[in-house]
Amino acid sequence: MNFVAVIIVSQLLFTISDVLARINMPKLGFHMATFMSWWFALYIAVRIPAVFGQLYVFTRLDLSRTMTLFSAMSLVLVNMLGFLLFREILAPLAYAGIFLALTAFLLVAYAK
C-alpha cells in the first residue's frame, strides 16, 4: 500500500477517535467510569489500527517527513470534520492556512 494512503487512512482514524472523545468527554467527564464505557472501547479500537499505520510509515520515511505529513493531514481532516459535523466556521484567513497545509502535504508527500 502506498505510504500516502496509509497516512491519510491512519490520520482519518485518529481524527474519528478524536471526534468520539470530543462528543463524549464533555458529557461524561474525566472519571474512571468514562473509561469503562462502550464509547471508550470504540475509541481504543479505532486508534489501534491508526497507530499501526503510523508505525508502518515510520519504518518507510524519515521522522521529519513523516511528522510533517501526519501534521498537515491532521490539520486538514480535523477542520473538514469540524465544519461538517460541528458546523464550526473559521475566518477566511484560517481557511487559506488550511489550504496551505494541504499544499504542503502534497509537496512533501511527492517530493523526490
C-alpha atoms as a PDB file:
ATOM      1  CA  MET A   1       0.000   0.000   0.000  1.00  0.00           C
ATOM      2  CA  ASN A   2       1.230   3.473  -0.827  1.00  0.00           C
ATOM      3  CA  PHE A   3       2.544   5.364   2.225  1.00  0.00           C
ATOM      4  CA  VAL A   4       0.400   8.416   1.338  1.00  0.00           C
ATOM      5  CA  ALA A   5      -2.750   6.277   1.531  1.00  0.00           C
ATOM      6  CA  VAL A   6      -1.599   4.807   4.855  1.00  0.00           C
ATOM      7  CA  ILE A   7      -1.026   8.308   6.233  1.00  0.00           C
ATOM      8  CA  ILE A   8      -4.450   9.512   5.111  1.00  0.00           C
ATOM      9  CA  VAL A   9      -6.298   6.445   6.456  1.00  0.00           C
ATOM     10  CA  SER A  10      -4.342   6.451   9.732  1.00  0.00           C
ATOM     11  CA  GLN A  11      -4.910  10.141  10.299  1.00  0.00           C
ATOM     12  CA  LEU A  12      -8.588   9.752   9.436  1.00  0.00           C
ATOM     13  CA  LEU A  13      -8.859   7.043  12.102  1.00  0.00           C
ATOM     14  CA  PHE A  14      -7.064   9.259  14.640  1.00  0.00           C
ATOM     15  CA  THR A  15      -9.427  12.111  13.774  1.00  0.00           C
ATOM     16  CA  ILE A  16     -12.522   9.901  14.068  1.00  0.00           C
ATOM     17  CA  SER A  17     -11.399   8.802  17.523  1.00  0.00           C
ATOM     18  CA  ASP A  18     -10.793  12.454  18.451  1.00  0.00           C
ATOM     19  CA  VAL A  19     -14.353  13.272  17.365  1.00  0.00           C
ATOM     20  CA  LEU A  20     -15.637  10.432  19.572  1.00  0.00           C
ATOM     21  CA  ALA A  21     -13.754  11.950  22.500  1.00  0.00           C
ATOM     22  CA  ARG A  22     -14.992  15.466  21.650  1.00  0.00           C
ATOM     23  CA  ILE A  23     -18.595  14.259  21.728  1.00  0.00           C
ATOM     24  CA  ASN A  24     -18.403  12.064  24.823  1.00  0.00           C
ATOM     25  CA  MET A  25     -15.840  13.564  27.208  1.00  0.00           C
ATOM     26  CA  PRO A  26     -17.716  16.832  27.915  1.00  0.00           C
ATOM     27  CA  LYS A  27     -20.859  14.846  28.768  1.00  0.00           C
ATOM     28  CA  LEU A  28     -19.210  12.162  30.892  1.00  0.00           C
ATOM     29  CA  GLY A  29     -16.220  13.972  32.418  1.00  0.00           C
ATOM     30  CA  PHE A  30     -12.774  12.710  33.270  1.00  0.00           C
ATOM     31  CA  HIS A  31     -13.786   9.861  35.591  1.00  0.00           C
ATOM     32  CA  MET A  32     -12.928   6.164  35.781  1.00  0.00           C
ATOM     33  CA  ALA A  33     -16.475   5.213  34.690  1.00  0.00           C
ATOM     34  CA  THR A  34     -15.959   7.185  31.481  1.00  0.00           C
ATOM     35  CA  PHE A  35     -13.020   4.957  30.587  1.00  0.00           C
ATOM     36  CA  MET A  36     -15.033   1.811  31.212  1.00  0.00           C
ATOM     37  CA  SER A  37     -17.808   2.729  28.775  1.00  0.00           C
ATOM     38  CA  TRP A  38     -18.673   1.476  25.276  1.00  0.00           C
ATOM     39  CA  TRP A  39     -17.502   4.636  23.521  1.00  0.00           C
ATOM     40  CA  PHE A  40     -14.035   4.423  25.075  1.00  0.00           C
ATOM     41  CA  ALA A  41     -13.690   0.808  23.910  1.00  0.00           C
ATOM     42  CA  LEU A  42     -14.632   2.009  20.418  1.00  0.00           C
ATOM     43  CA  TYR A  43     -12.169   4.907  20.778  1.00  0.00           C
ATOM     44  CA  ILE A  44      -9.326   2.469  21.549  1.00  0.00           C
ATOM     45  CA  ALA A  45     -10.427   0.044  18.804  1.00  0.00           C
ATOM     46  CA  VAL A  46     -10.287   2.834  16.214  1.00  0.00           C
ATOM     47  CA  ARG A  47      -6.933   4.174  17.438  1.00  0.00           C
ATOM     48  CA  ILE A  48      -5.090   0.821  17.397  1.00  0.00           C
ATOM     49  CA  PRO A  49      -5.067   0.418  13.584  1.00  0.00           C
ATOM     50  CA  ALA A  50      -4.200   4.125  13.310  1.00  0.00           C
ATOM     51  CA  VAL A  51      -1.128   3.563  15.481  1.00  0.00           C
ATOM     52  CA  PHE A  52      -0.112   0.549  13.371  1.00  0.00           C
ATOM     53  CA  GLY A  53      -0.408   2.693  10.254  1.00  0.00           C
ATOM     54  CA  GLN A  54       1.714   5.399  11.832  1.00  0.00           C
ATOM     55  CA  LEU A  55       4.358   2.867  12.866  1.00  0.00           C
ATOM     56  CA  TYR A  56       4.370   1.418   9.342  1.00  0.00           C
ATOM     57  CA  VAL A  57       5.058   4.867   7.885  1.00  0.00           C
ATOM     58  CA  PHE A  58       7.809   5.443  10.467  1.00  0.00           C
ATOM     59  CA  THR A  59       9.578   2.391   9.031  1.00  0.00           C
ATOM     60  CA  ARG A  60       9.385   3.779   5.478  1.00  0.00           C
ATOM     61  CA  LEU A  61      10.137   7.504   5.805  1.00  0.00           C
ATOM     62  CA  ASP A  62      12.348   9.880   7.750  1.00  0.00           C
ATOM     63  CA  LEU A  63      10.895  11.160  11.011  1.00  0.00           C
ATOM     64  CA  SER A  64      10.719  14.776   9.848  1.00  0.00           C
ATOM     65  CA  ARG A  65       8.891  13.874   6.650  1.00  0.00           C
ATOM     66  CA  THR A  66       6.531  11.507   8.467  1.00  0.00           C
ATOM     67  CA  MET A  67       5.559  14.020  11.135  1.00  0.00           C
ATOM     68  CA  THR A  68       5.139  16.792   8.556  1.00  0.00           C
ATOM     69  CA  LEU A  69       2.729  14.613   6.591  1.00  0.00           C
ATOM     70  CA  PHE A  70       0.745  13.494   9.647  1.00  0.00           C
ATOM     71  CA  SER A  71       0.561  17.058  10.986  1.00  0.00           C
ATOM     72  CA  ALA A  72      -0.612  18.589   7.724  1.00  0.00           C
ATOM     73  CA  MET A  73      -3.181  15.843   7.137  1.00  0.00           C
ATOM     74  CA  SER A  74      -4.421  16.198  10.711  1.00  0.00           C
ATOM     75  CA  LEU A  75      -4.974  19.917  10.222  1.00  0.00           C
ATOM     76  CA  VAL A  76      -6.927  19.363   7.013  1.00  0.00           C
ATOM     77  CA  LEU A  77      -9.075  16.479   8.293  1.00  0.00           C
ATOM     78  CA  VAL A  78      -9.930  17.957  11.673  1.00  0.00           C
ATOM     79  CA  ASN A  79     -11.091  21.185  10.066  1.00  0.00           C
ATOM     80  CA  MET A  80     -13.170  19.331   7.484  1.00  0.00           C
ATOM     81  CA  LEU A  81     -14.869  17.274  10.208  1.00  0.00           C
ATOM     82  CA  GLY A  82     -15.238  20.330  12.452  1.00  0.00           C
ATOM     83  CA  PHE A  83     -17.083  22.099   9.652  1.00  0.00           C
ATOM     84  CA  LEU A  84     -19.177  19.099   8.554  1.00  0.00           C
ATOM     85  CA  LEU A  85     -20.088  17.648  11.971  1.00  0.00           C
ATOM     86  CA  PHE A  86     -19.999  20.586  14.369  1.00  0.00           C
ATOM     87  CA  ARG A  87     -20.710  23.451  11.962  1.00  0.00           C
ATOM     88  CA  GLU A  88     -17.533  25.211  13.126  1.00  0.00           C
ATOM     89  CA  ILE A  89     -16.746  28.087  10.801  1.00  0.00           C
ATOM     90  CA  LEU A  90     -13.334  29.725  10.706  1.00  0.00           C
ATOM     91  CA  ALA A  91     -12.159  33.040   9.330  1.00  0.00           C
ATOM     92  CA  PRO A  92     -11.230  33.129   5.627  1.00  0.00           C
ATOM     93  CA  LEU A  93      -7.570  33.585   6.560  1.00  0.00           C
ATOM     94  CA  ALA A  94      -7.714  30.335   8.560  1.00  0.00           C
ATOM     95  CA  TYR A  95      -9.075  28.502   5.505  1.00  0.00           C
ATOM     96  CA  ALA A  96      -6.202  29.949   3.487  1.00  0.00           C
ATOM     97  CA  GLY A  97      -3.851  28.420   6.063  1.00  0.00           C
ATOM     98  CA  ILE A  98      -5.597  25.055   5.780  1.00  0.00           C
ATOM     99  CA  PHE A  99      -5.211  25.227   2.007  1.00  0.00           C
ATOM    100  CA  LEU A 100      -1.501  25.919   2.516  1.00  0.00           C
ATOM    101  CA  ALA A 101      -1.291  22.888   4.823  1.00  0.00           C
ATOM    102  CA  LEU A 102      -2.868  20.743   2.114  1.00  0.00           C
ATOM    103  CA  THR A 103      -0.404  22.162  -0.404  1.00  0.00           C
ATOM    104  CA  ALA A 104       2.472  21.416   1.992  1.00  0.00           C
ATOM    105  CA  PHE A 105       1.210  17.845   2.400  1.00  0.00           C
ATOM    106  CA  LEU A 106       1.204  17.294  -1.352  1.00  0.00           C
ATOM    107  CA  LEU A 107       4.631  18.881  -1.840  1.00  0.00           C
ATOM    108  CA  VAL A 108       6.253  16.860   0.958  1.00  0.00           C
ATOM    109  CA  ALA A 109       4.467  13.622   0.025  1.00  0.00           C
ATOM    110  CA  TYR A 110       5.514  13.683  -3.598  1.00  0.00           C
ATOM    111  CA  ALA A 111       8.943  15.342  -3.338  1.00  0.00           C
ATOM    112  CA  LYS A 112      11.684  13.079  -4.615  1.00  0.00           C
END
